[in-house]
């Protein structure tokens, strides 16, 4: 559905996009991750032909994207990070306005608006102004305005920022439903658990390039971390920590406040080896548990940075 090839965008001496290559397939929820300043916003602006780039090509629905590609743009919906609605209009009036930019037929537009209101759960708030809505409801209105015209491609830029857990779950469930109904979605977020939950493929950007792309399982296989073992309520000496570090497949240990974290590469019986050592040394502990790597581990190891707002 989308093919970006060798995209370059410079701001003077700053290279915002450095020969960026991306492919998004029809029917997927494509996660776009990266630290602040990595080029995500620039890439989306270029994708929408809102920003002129220096080099490269962008094709959407098999056609080259240009500023005057109105046929392509009618099939795209945008849900920006900053809520973009008119404060003087009611909830319903906002949705009607944005839908009217794409759908000229009044009967069809009314149907689309009704469905967008029902989809986002805003039936009881149609006459309210945006300032009367909670943060979660305002985000739902933002989404309704972006999807009312039933776009084939939806770009969602951090749609759950600063909302309560209930509204976040409602939004995520809505995104999955949109996808099941046929929409292809590009999704950016700083919440790794959201990306793990809904994205079928993910690309990590840094310094204007895509440095890793794949399913969450494929990305996790790219890193050294295969298992994290945490032992709580334990007192160990420096010598004992060094001995744990010498166990097969252990490549890092951290000990602080009676909590020992052991990072292992992917292998069978890592936990059993640690337990066996603790038993041999008669080391008492409170609790021990094992975790598989998360997307946050992938992001941190690949970029060397933590993903923050």
C-alpha atoms as a PDB file:
ATOM      1  CA  UNK A   1       0.000   0.000   0.000  1.00  0.00           C
ATOM      2  CA  UNK A   2       2.870   2.401   0.829  1.00  0.00           C
ATOM      3  CA  UNK A   3       6.395   2.338  -0.519  1.00  0.00           C
ATOM      4  CA  UNK A   4       8.960   4.928   0.567  1.00  0.00           C
ATOM      5  CA  UNK A   5      12.322   4.683  -1.197  1.00  0.00           C
ATOM      6  CA  UNK A   6      15.540   6.568  -0.390  1.00  0.00           C
ATOM      7  CA  UNK A   7      13.714   9.509   1.168  1.00  0.00           C
ATOM      8  CA  UNK A   8      15.997  12.406   2.083  1.00  0.00           C
ATOM      9  CA  UNK A   9      14.932  15.571   3.872  1.00  0.00           C
ATOM     10  CA  UNK A  10      17.380  18.216   5.056  1.00  0.00           C
ATOM     11  CA  UNK A  11      16.908  21.329   7.158  1.00  0.00           C
ATOM     12  CA  UNK A  12      20.116  23.176   6.342  1.00  0.00           C
ATOM     13  CA  UNK A  13      22.925  21.035   7.769  1.00  0.00           C
ATOM     14  CA  UNK A  14      20.492  18.812   9.671  1.00  0.00           C
ATOM     15  CA  UNK A  15      19.546  15.581   7.907  1.00  0.00           C
ATOM     16  CA  UNK A  16      16.078  14.717   9.209  1.00  0.00           C
ATOM     17  CA  UNK A  17      15.557  11.747   6.859  1.00  0.00           C
ATOM     18  CA  UNK A  18      18.609   9.891   5.612  1.00  0.00           C
ATOM     19  CA  UNK A  19      17.626   7.638   2.681  1.00  0.00           C
ATOM     20  CA  UNK A  20      14.623   6.278   4.534  1.00  0.00           C
ATOM     21  CA  UNK A  21      13.069   3.096   3.126  1.00  0.00           C
ATOM     22  CA  UNK A  22       9.725   1.748   4.344  1.00  0.00           C
ATOM     23  CA  UNK A  23       6.990  -0.536   3.065  1.00  0.00           C
ATOM     24  CA  UNK A  24       3.524  -0.794   4.605  1.00  0.00           C
ATOM     25  CA  UNK A  25       1.318  -3.637   3.414  1.00  0.00           C
ATOM     26  CA  UNK A  26      -2.422  -3.475   2.949  1.00  0.00           C
ATOM     27  CA  UNK A  27      -4.416  -4.651   5.957  1.00  0.00           C
ATOM     28  CA  UNK A  28      -1.750  -4.287   8.631  1.00  0.00           C
ATOM     29  CA  UNK A  29      -1.338  -2.122  11.705  1.00  0.00           C
ATOM     30  CA  UNK A  30       2.151  -0.753  11.180  1.00  0.00           C
ATOM     31  CA  UNK A  31       3.929   0.602  14.249  1.00  0.00           C
ATOM     32  CA  UNK A  32       6.366   3.463  13.768  1.00  0.00           C
ATOM     33  CA  UNK A  33       8.685   3.910  16.744  1.00  0.00           C
ATOM     34  CA  UNK A  34      11.648   6.086  17.474  1.00  0.00           C
ATOM     35  CA  UNK A  35      13.128   8.535  19.993  1.00  0.00           C
ATOM     36  CA  UNK A  36      12.287  12.214  19.776  1.00  0.00           C
ATOM     37  CA  UNK A  37      14.024  13.744  16.771  1.00  0.00           C
ATOM     38  CA  UNK A  38      14.342  10.442  14.908  1.00  0.00           C
ATOM     39  CA  UNK A  39      12.346  11.646  11.878  1.00  0.00           C
ATOM     40  CA  UNK A  40       8.866  10.162  12.500  1.00  0.00           C
ATOM     41  CA  UNK A  41       6.985  13.448  12.197  1.00  0.00           C
ATOM     42  CA  UNK A  42       9.008  14.510   9.169  1.00  0.00           C
ATOM     43  CA  UNK A  43       8.374  11.155   7.488  1.00  0.00           C
ATOM     44  CA  UNK A  44       4.606  11.430   8.068  1.00  0.00           C
ATOM     45  CA  UNK A  45       4.549  15.019   6.773  1.00  0.00           C
ATOM     46  CA  UNK A  46       6.398  13.929   3.620  1.00  0.00           C
ATOM     47  CA  UNK A  47       4.089  10.921   3.261  1.00  0.00           C
ATOM     48  CA  UNK A  48       1.089  13.259   3.257  1.00  0.00           C
ATOM     49  CA  UNK A  49       2.787  15.624   0.769  1.00  0.00           C
ATOM     50  CA  UNK A  50       2.665  18.390   3.376  1.00  0.00           C
ATOM     51  CA  UNK A  51       6.428  18.792   3.274  1.00  0.00           C
ATOM     52  CA  UNK A  52       8.735  18.953   0.275  1.00  0.00           C
ATOM     53  CA  UNK A  53      11.647  16.505   0.435  1.00  0.00           C
ATOM     54  CA  UNK A  54      15.039  16.610  -1.261  1.00  0.00           C
ATOM     55  CA  UNK A  55      15.261  13.148  -2.745  1.00  0.00           C
ATOM     56  CA  UNK A  56      13.383   9.856  -3.001  1.00  0.00           C
ATOM     57  CA  UNK A  57       9.918   8.619  -3.956  1.00  0.00           C
ATOM     58  CA  UNK A  58       6.668   7.950  -2.114  1.00  0.00           C
ATOM     59  CA  UNK A  59       3.973   5.757  -3.627  1.00  0.00           C
ATOM     60  CA  UNK A  60       0.571   5.171  -2.017  1.00  0.00           C
ATOM     61  CA  UNK A  61      -2.061   2.834  -3.494  1.00  0.00           C
ATOM     62  CA  UNK A  62       0.404   2.270  -6.340  1.00  0.00           C
ATOM     63  CA  UNK A  63       0.539   5.954  -7.323  1.00  0.00           C
ATOM     64  CA  UNK A  64       3.172   8.587  -6.707  1.00  0.00           C
ATOM     65  CA  UNK A  65       2.141  10.931  -3.895  1.00  0.00           C
ATOM     66  CA  UNK A  66       2.231  14.640  -4.810  1.00  0.00           C
ATOM     67  CA  UNK A  67       0.736  17.800  -3.252  1.00  0.00           C
ATOM     68  CA  UNK A  68      -2.099  17.695  -5.795  1.00  0.00           C
ATOM     69  CA  UNK A  69      -2.829  13.951  -5.407  1.00  0.00           C
ATOM     70  CA  UNK A  70      -6.351  14.639  -4.157  1.00  0.00           C
ATOM     71  CA  UNK A  71      -7.642  11.229  -5.212  1.00  0.00           C
ATOM     72  CA  UNK A  72      -5.115   9.582  -2.902  1.00  0.00           C
ATOM     73  CA  UNK A  73      -5.692  12.047  -0.078  1.00  0.00           C
ATOM     74  CA  UNK A  74      -9.436  11.316  -0.041  1.00  0.00           C
ATOM     75  CA  UNK A  75      -8.604   7.761   0.971  1.00  0.00           C
ATOM     76  CA  UNK A  76      -6.423   8.835   3.924  1.00  0.00           C
ATOM     77  CA  UNK A  77      -7.499   9.740   7.454  1.00  0.00           C
ATOM     78  CA  UNK A  78      -5.306  11.616   9.929  1.00  0.00           C
ATOM     79  CA  UNK A  79      -5.551  11.510  13.720  1.00  0.00           C
ATOM     80  CA  UNK A  80      -2.886  13.993  14.885  1.00  0.00           C
ATOM     81  CA  UNK A  81      -1.188  13.941  18.269  1.00  0.00           C
ATOM     82  CA  UNK A  82      -2.443  17.436  19.080  1.00  0.00           C
ATOM     83  CA  UNK A  83      -6.234  17.489  19.152  1.00  0.00           C
ATOM     84  CA  UNK A  84      -7.369  19.391  16.045  1.00  0.00           C
ATOM     85  CA  UNK A  85     -11.039  20.347  16.406  1.00  0.00           C
ATOM     86  CA  UNK A  86     -12.991  23.620  16.392  1.00  0.00           C
ATOM     87  CA  UNK A  87     -13.769  24.788  19.946  1.00  0.00           C
ATOM     88  CA  UNK A  88     -16.839  26.773  18.848  1.00  0.00           C
ATOM     89  CA  UNK A  89     -18.491  23.721  17.224  1.00  0.00           C
ATOM     90  CA  UNK A  90     -20.268  20.891  19.019  1.00  0.00           C
ATOM     91  CA  UNK A  91     -19.067  17.310  18.896  1.00  0.00           C
ATOM     92  CA  UNK A  92     -21.467  16.457  16.094  1.00  0.00           C
ATOM     93  CA  UNK A  93     -20.750  19.654  14.162  1.00  0.00           C
ATOM     94  CA  UNK A  94     -17.014  18.964  14.270  1.00  0.00           C
ATOM     95  CA  UNK A  95     -17.460  15.472  12.883  1.00  0.00           C
ATOM     96  CA  UNK A  96     -19.856  16.745  10.205  1.00  0.00           C
ATOM     97  CA  UNK A  97     -17.383  19.425   9.146  1.00  0.00           C
ATOM     98  CA  UNK A  98     -14.399  17.119   8.750  1.00  0.00           C
ATOM     99  CA  UNK A  99     -16.464  14.414   7.074  1.00  0.00           C
ATOM    100  CA  UNK A 100     -17.829  17.051   4.677  1.00  0.00           C
ATOM    101  CA  UNK A 101     -14.332  17.724   3.395  1.00  0.00           C
ATOM    102  CA  UNK A 102     -14.406  14.263   1.810  1.00  0.00           C
ATOM    103  CA  UNK A 103     -18.062  13.248   1.429  1.00  0.00           C
ATOM    104  CA  UNK A 104     -20.220  15.638  -0.637  1.00  0.00           C
ATOM    105  CA  UNK A 105     -23.474  13.651  -0.648  1.00  0.00           C
ATOM    106  CA  UNK A 106     -25.590  14.752   2.343  1.00  0.00           C
ATOM    107  CA  UNK A 107     -27.318  11.417   2.874  1.00  0.00           C
ATOM    108  CA  UNK A 108     -24.051   9.509   2.749  1.00  0.00           C
ATOM    109  CA  UNK A 109     -22.345  12.069   4.981  1.00  0.00           C
ATOM    110  CA  UNK A 110     -25.091  11.809   7.615  1.00  0.00           C
ATOM    111  CA  UNK A 111     -24.683   8.038   7.669  1.00  0.00           C
ATOM    112  CA  UNK A 112     -20.903   8.343   8.019  1.00  0.00           C
ATOM    113  CA  UNK A 113     -21.246  10.825  10.882  1.00  0.00           C
ATOM    114  CA  UNK A 114     -23.732   8.606  12.723  1.00  0.00           C
ATOM    115  CA  UNK A 115     -21.428   5.617  12.355  1.00  0.00           C
ATOM    116  CA  UNK A 116     -18.371   7.587  13.539  1.00  0.00           C
ATOM    117  CA  UNK A 117     -20.257   8.808  16.613  1.00  0.00           C
ATOM    118  CA  UNK A 118     -21.411   5.276  17.445  1.00  0.00           C
ATOM    119  CA  UNK A 119     -17.970   3.832  16.761  1.00  0.00           C
ATOM    120  CA  UNK A 120     -16.248   6.198  19.194  1.00  0.00           C
ATOM    121  CA  UNK A 121     -19.011   6.006  21.823  1.00  0.00           C
ATOM    122  CA  UNK A 122     -19.915   9.697  21.659  1.00  0.00           C
ATOM    123  CA  UNK A 123     -23.703   9.282  21.373  1.00  0.00           C
ATOM    124  CA  UNK A 124     -24.372  11.030  24.678  1.00  0.00           C
ATOM    125  CA  UNK A 125     -22.032  13.955  24.007  1.00  0.00           C
ATOM    126  CA  UNK A 126     -23.107  15.165  20.545  1.00  0.00           C
ATOM    127  CA  UNK A 127     -24.265  18.635  21.649  1.00  0.00           C
ATOM    128  CA  UNK A 128     -21.287  19.343  23.907  1.00  0.00           C
ATOM    129  CA  UNK A 129     -18.412  21.652  22.992  1.00  0.00           C
ATOM    130  CA  UNK A 130     -14.850  20.260  23.082  1.00  0.00           C
ATOM    131  CA  UNK A 131     -13.968  22.171  26.273  1.00  0.00           C
ATOM    132  CA  UNK A 132     -16.737  20.284  28.093  1.00  0.00           C
ATOM    133  CA  UNK A 133     -15.217  16.877  27.327  1.00  0.00           C
ATOM    134  CA  UNK A 134     -12.728  14.896  29.400  1.00  0.00           C
ATOM    135  CA  UNK A 135      -9.315  14.192  27.915  1.00  0.00           C
ATOM    136  CA  UNK A 136     -10.354  10.700  26.878  1.00  0.00           C
ATOM    137  CA  UNK A 137     -13.557  11.873  25.196  1.00  0.00           C
ATOM    138  CA  UNK A 138     -11.662  14.650  23.422  1.00  0.00           C
ATOM    139  CA  UNK A 139      -9.287  12.035  22.006  1.00  0.00           C
ATOM    140  CA  UNK A 140     -12.284  10.019  20.822  1.00  0.00           C
ATOM    141  CA  UNK A 141     -13.647  13.117  19.066  1.00  0.00           C
ATOM    142  CA  UNK A 142     -10.257  13.611  17.423  1.00  0.00           C
ATOM    143  CA  UNK A 143     -10.433  10.046  16.132  1.00  0.00           C
ATOM    144  CA  UNK A 144     -14.044  10.397  14.954  1.00  0.00           C
ATOM    145  CA  UNK A 145     -13.107  13.462  12.897  1.00  0.00           C
ATOM    146  CA  UNK A 146     -10.251  11.558  11.270  1.00  0.00           C
ATOM    147  CA  UNK A 147     -12.142   8.383  10.365  1.00  0.00           C
ATOM    148  CA  UNK A 148     -15.705   9.545   9.591  1.00  0.00           C
ATOM    149  CA  UNK A 149     -15.126   9.456   5.822  1.00  0.00           C
ATOM    150  CA  UNK A 150     -14.075   5.784   6.062  1.00  0.00           C
ATOM    151  CA  UNK A 151     -10.499   6.075   4.804  1.00  0.00           C
ATOM    152  CA  UNK A 152      -8.565   3.069   3.551  1.00  0.00           C
ATOM    153  CA  UNK A 153      -5.377   4.342   5.201  1.00  0.00           C
ATOM    154  CA  UNK A 154      -5.400   5.882   8.689  1.00  0.00           C
ATOM    155  CA  UNK A 155      -2.386   7.576  10.272  1.00  0.00           C
ATOM    156  CA  UNK A 156      -2.611   7.786  14.055  1.00  0.00           C
ATOM    157  CA  UNK A 157       0.031   9.846  15.821  1.00  0.00           C
ATOM    158  CA  UNK A 158      -0.006   8.967  19.538  1.00  0.00           C
ATOM    159  CA  UNK A 159      -3.811   8.935  19.878  1.00  0.00           C
ATOM    160  CA  UNK A 160      -3.771   7.827  23.538  1.00  0.00           C
ATOM    161  CA  UNK A 161      -1.498  10.485  25.023  1.00  0.00           C
ATOM    162  CA  UNK A 162      -2.647  11.617  28.487  1.00  0.00           C
ATOM    163  CA  UNK A 163      -5.889   9.613  28.611  1.00  0.00           C
ATOM    164  CA  UNK A 164      -7.216   7.398  31.376  1.00  0.00           C
ATOM    165  CA  UNK A 165      -6.881   3.579  31.141  1.00  0.00           C
ATOM    166  CA  UNK A 166     -10.561   3.068  30.299  1.00  0.00           C
ATOM    167  CA  UNK A 167     -10.434   5.519  27.379  1.00  0.00           C
ATOM    168  CA  UNK A 168      -7.135   4.033  26.234  1.00  0.00           C
ATOM    169  CA  UNK A 169      -8.640   0.555  26.093  1.00  0.00           C
ATOM    170  CA  UNK A 170     -11.642   1.917  24.195  1.00  0.00           C
ATOM    171  CA  UNK A 171      -9.336   3.594  21.648  1.00  0.00           C
ATOM    172  CA  UNK A 172      -7.143   0.515  21.182  1.00  0.00           C
ATOM    173  CA  UNK A 173     -10.152  -1.734  20.734  1.00  0.00           C
ATOM    174  CA  UNK A 174     -11.486   0.749  18.179  1.00  0.00           C
ATOM    175  CA  UNK A 175      -8.218   0.689  16.246  1.00  0.00           C
ATOM    176  CA  UNK A 176      -8.304  -3.100  16.086  1.00  0.00           C
ATOM    177  CA  UNK A 177     -11.914  -2.977  14.916  1.00  0.00           C
ATOM    178  CA  UNK A 178     -11.042  -0.450  12.189  1.00  0.00           C
ATOM    179  CA  UNK A 179      -8.321  -2.792  11.041  1.00  0.00           C
ATOM    180  CA  UNK A 180     -10.686  -5.783  10.999  1.00  0.00           C
ATOM    181  CA  UNK A 181     -13.086  -3.729   8.883  1.00  0.00           C
ATOM    182  CA  UNK A 182     -10.392  -3.216   6.249  1.00  0.00           C
ATOM    183  CA  UNK A 183      -8.401  -0.111   7.199  1.00  0.00           C
ATOM    184  CA  UNK A 184      -4.612  -0.111   7.026  1.00  0.00           C
ATOM    185  CA  UNK A 185      -3.195   1.831   9.970  1.00  0.00           C
ATOM    186  CA  UNK A 186       0.121   3.536  10.683  1.00  0.00           C
ATOM    187  CA  UNK A 187       0.439   3.909  14.443  1.00  0.00           C
ATOM    188  CA  UNK A 188       2.991   5.882  16.439  1.00  0.00           C
ATOM    189  CA  UNK A 189       3.205   5.707  20.216  1.00  0.00           C
ATOM    190  CA  UNK A 190       5.579   6.022  23.155  1.00  0.00           C
ATOM    191  CA  UNK A 191       3.693   3.245  24.956  1.00  0.00           C
ATOM    192  CA  UNK A 192       5.407  -0.029  24.091  1.00  0.00           C
ATOM    193  CA  UNK A 193       2.624  -2.175  25.534  1.00  0.00           C
ATOM    194  CA  UNK A 194       0.180  -0.601  23.057  1.00  0.00           C
ATOM    195  CA  UNK A 195       2.457  -1.358  20.126  1.00  0.00           C
ATOM    196  CA  UNK A 196       2.889  -4.954  21.299  1.00  0.00           C
ATOM    197  CA  UNK A 197      -0.880  -5.308  21.637  1.00  0.00           C
ATOM    198  CA  UNK A 198      -2.082  -3.999  18.284  1.00  0.00           C
ATOM    199  CA  UNK A 199       0.736  -3.764  15.719  1.00  0.00           C
ATOM    200  CA  UNK A 200       1.303  -6.534  13.205  1.00  0.00           C
ATOM    201  CA  UNK A 201       4.681  -5.124  12.100  1.00  0.00           C
ATOM    202  CA  UNK A 202       6.929  -2.470  13.574  1.00  0.00           C
ATOM    203  CA  UNK A 203       9.732  -0.259  12.288  1.00  0.00           C
ATOM    204  CA  UNK A 204      12.212   1.476  14.591  1.00  0.00           C
ATOM    205  CA  UNK A 205      13.580   4.778  13.290  1.00  0.00           C
ATOM    206  CA  UNK A 206      16.723   6.543  14.456  1.00  0.00           C
ATOM    207  CA  UNK A 207      18.712   9.344  12.861  1.00  0.00           C
ATOM    208  CA  UNK A 208      16.306   9.454   9.944  1.00  0.00           C
ATOM    209  CA  UNK A 209      16.682   5.791   9.002  1.00  0.00           C
ATOM    210  CA  UNK A 210      14.752   2.599   9.602  1.00  0.00           C
ATOM    211  CA  UNK A 211      17.209   0.530  11.625  1.00  0.00           C
ATOM    212  CA  UNK A 212      14.989  -2.500  12.281  1.00  0.00           C
ATOM    213  CA  UNK A 213      11.662  -3.713  10.886  1.00  0.00           C
ATOM    214  CA  UNK A 214       9.618  -6.843  11.532  1.00  0.00           C
ATOM    215  CA  UNK A 215       6.987  -8.439  13.713  1.00  0.00           C
ATOM    216  CA  UNK A 216       7.493  -8.108  17.451  1.00  0.00           C
ATOM    217  CA  UNK A 217       8.775 -11.700  17.524  1.00  0.00           C
ATOM    218  CA  UNK A 218      11.260 -10.992  14.719  1.00  0.00           C
ATOM    219  CA  UNK A 219      12.504  -7.833  16.433  1.00  0.00           C
ATOM    220  CA  UNK A 220      13.032  -9.672  19.718  1.00  0.00           C
ATOM    221  CA  UNK A 221      15.162 -12.263  17.940  1.00  0.00           C
ATOM    222  CA  UNK A 222      17.450  -9.478  16.707  1.00  0.00           C
ATOM    223  CA  UNK A 223      18.763  -8.628  20.161  1.00  0.00           C
ATOM    224  CA  UNK A 224      21.078 -10.375  22.603  1.00  0.00           C
ATOM    225  CA  UNK A 225      18.556 -10.364  25.437  1.00  0.00           C
ATOM    226  CA  UNK A 226      16.602 -13.619  25.481  1.00  0.00           C
ATOM    227  CA  UNK A 227      15.466 -13.824  29.092  1.00  0.00           C
ATOM    228  CA  UNK A 228      15.560 -11.646  32.207  1.00  0.00           C
ATOM    229  CA  UNK A 229      15.634 -13.407  35.585  1.00  0.00           C
ATOM    230  CA  UNK A 230      14.855 -11.336  38.657  1.00  0.00           C
ATOM    231  CA  UNK A 231      15.572 -12.486  42.199  1.00  0.00           C
ATOM    232  CA  UNK A 232      14.048 -10.371  44.971  1.00  0.00           C
ATOM    233  CA  UNK A 233      14.765 -10.306  48.691  1.00  0.00           C
ATOM    234  CA  UNK A 234      18.313 -11.628  48.251  1.00  0.00           C
ATOM    235  CA  UNK A 235      21.637 -10.720  49.835  1.00  0.00           C
ATOM    236  CA  UNK A 236      24.712 -11.641  47.813  1.00  0.00           C
ATOM    237  CA  UNK A 237      28.407 -10.762  47.861  1.00  0.00           C
ATOM    238  CA  UNK A 238      30.417  -9.342  44.984  1.00  0.00           C
ATOM    239  CA  UNK A 239      32.010 -12.767  44.578  1.00  0.00           C
ATOM    240  CA  UNK A 240      28.635 -14.467  44.310  1.00  0.00           C
ATOM    241  CA  UNK A 241      27.437 -11.911  41.739  1.00  0.00           C
ATOM    242  CA  UNK A 242      30.597 -12.549  39.738  1.00  0.00           C
ATOM    243  CA  UNK A 243      29.911 -16.294  39.917  1.00  0.00           C
ATOM    244  CA  UNK A 244      26.380 -15.806  38.619  1.00  0.00           C
ATOM    245  CA  UNK A 245      27.818 -13.754  35.763  1.00  0.00           C
ATOM    246  CA  UNK A 246      29.975 -16.735  34.822  1.00  0.00           C
ATOM    247  CA  UNK A 247      26.972 -19.044  34.411  1.00  0.00           C
ATOM    248  CA  UNK A 248      26.324 -20.171  30.806  1.00  0.00           C
ATOM    249  CA  UNK A 249      24.405 -17.634  28.669  1.00  0.00           C
ATOM    250  CA  UNK A 250      24.501 -14.899  31.347  1.00  0.00           C
ATOM    251  CA  UNK A 251      25.899 -11.661  29.920  1.00  0.00           C
ATOM    252  CA  UNK A 252      24.886  -9.049  32.501  1.00  0.00           C
ATOM    253  CA  UNK A 253      23.892  -8.755  36.158  1.00  0.00           C
ATOM    254  CA  UNK A 254      22.600  -5.840  38.217  1.00  0.00           C
ATOM    255  CA  UNK A 255      22.265  -5.840  41.987  1.00  0.00           C
ATOM    256  CA  UNK A 256      20.576  -3.110  43.999  1.00  0.00           C
ATOM    257  CA  UNK A 257      18.434  -2.954  47.146  1.00  0.00           C
ATOM    258  CA  UNK A 258      18.385  -6.767  47.610  1.00  0.00           C
ATOM    259  CA  UNK A 259      17.255  -7.259  44.002  1.00  0.00           C
ATOM    260  CA  UNK A 260      19.367  -9.205  41.539  1.00  0.00           C
ATOM    261  CA  UNK A 261      18.595  -8.925  37.814  1.00  0.00           C
ATOM    262  CA  UNK A 262      20.261 -11.467  35.535  1.00  0.00           C
ATOM    263  CA  UNK A 263      20.202 -10.920  31.752  1.00  0.00           C
ATOM    264  CA  UNK A 264      20.633 -14.048  29.642  1.00  0.00           C
ATOM    265  CA  UNK A 265      20.770 -14.831  25.960  1.00  0.00           C
ATOM    266  CA  UNK A 266      18.091 -17.162  24.609  1.00  0.00           C
ATOM    267  CA  UNK A 267      18.731 -20.682  25.879  1.00  0.00           C
ATOM    268  CA  UNK A 268      16.988 -23.541  27.598  1.00  0.00           C
ATOM    269  CA  UNK A 269      17.152 -23.954  31.402  1.00  0.00           C
ATOM    270  CA  UNK A 270      18.525 -20.486  32.242  1.00  0.00           C
ATOM    271  CA  UNK A 271      16.239 -20.299  35.259  1.00  0.00           C
ATOM    272  CA  UNK A 272      17.141 -23.831  36.358  1.00  0.00           C
ATOM    273  CA  UNK A 273      20.856 -22.997  36.277  1.00  0.00           C
ATOM    274  CA  UNK A 274      20.328 -19.919  38.439  1.00  0.00           C
ATOM    275  CA  UNK A 275      18.183 -21.852  40.913  1.00  0.00           C
ATOM    276  CA  UNK A 276      20.777 -24.624  41.062  1.00  0.00           C
ATOM    277  CA  UNK A 277      23.535 -22.117  41.873  1.00  0.00           C
ATOM    278  CA  UNK A 278      21.462 -20.447  44.616  1.00  0.00           C
ATOM    279  CA  UNK A 279      20.718 -23.854  46.130  1.00  0.00           C
ATOM    280  CA  UNK A 280      24.370 -24.920  46.042  1.00  0.00           C
ATOM    281  CA  UNK A 281      25.428 -21.694  47.757  1.00  0.00           C
ATOM    282  CA  UNK A 282      22.500 -21.919  50.209  1.00  0.00           C
ATOM    283  CA  UNK A 283      21.465 -18.376  49.306  1.00  0.00           C
ATOM    284  CA  UNK A 284      18.061 -17.425  50.680  1.00  0.00           C
ATOM    285  CA  UNK A 285      15.753 -15.277  48.553  1.00  0.00           C
ATOM    286  CA  UNK A 286      12.156 -14.058  48.612  1.00  0.00           C
ATOM    287  CA  UNK A 287      10.932 -14.435  45.045  1.00  0.00           C
ATOM    288  CA  UNK A 288      12.326 -15.369  41.648  1.00  0.00           C
ATOM    289  CA  UNK A 289      10.698 -14.952  38.232  1.00  0.00           C
ATOM    290  CA  UNK A 290      11.623 -14.999  34.572  1.00  0.00           C
ATOM    291  CA  UNK A 291      10.517 -12.639  31.788  1.00  0.00           C
ATOM    292  CA  UNK A 292      10.957 -12.780  28.042  1.00  0.00           C
ATOM    293  CA  UNK A 293      12.295  -9.628  26.309  1.00  0.00           C
ATOM    294  CA  UNK A 294       9.886  -6.777  25.646  1.00  0.00           C
ATOM    295  CA  UNK A 295       9.772  -4.251  22.825  1.00  0.00           C
ATOM    296  CA  UNK A 296      11.316  -1.800  25.265  1.00  0.00           C
ATOM    297  CA  UNK A 297      14.331  -4.114  25.556  1.00  0.00           C
ATOM    298  CA  UNK A 298      14.524  -4.239  21.763  1.00  0.00           C
ATOM    299  CA  UNK A 299      14.309  -0.456  21.470  1.00  0.00           C
ATOM    300  CA  UNK A 300      16.900   0.168  24.176  1.00  0.00           C
ATOM    301  CA  UNK A 301      19.407  -2.333  22.775  1.00  0.00           C
ATOM    302  CA  UNK A 302      19.017  -1.271  19.138  1.00  0.00           C
ATOM    303  CA  UNK A 303      19.004   2.513  19.671  1.00  0.00           C
ATOM    304  CA  UNK A 304      20.836   2.788  22.979  1.00  0.00           C
ATOM    305  CA  UNK A 305      18.052   5.105  24.160  1.00  0.00           C
ATOM    306  CA  UNK A 306      14.910   4.894  26.208  1.00  0.00           C
ATOM    307  CA  UNK A 307      11.648   5.790  24.503  1.00  0.00           C
ATOM    308  CA  UNK A 308      10.182   8.762  26.320  1.00  0.00           C
ATOM    309  CA  UNK A 309       7.578  11.427  25.673  1.00  0.00           C
END
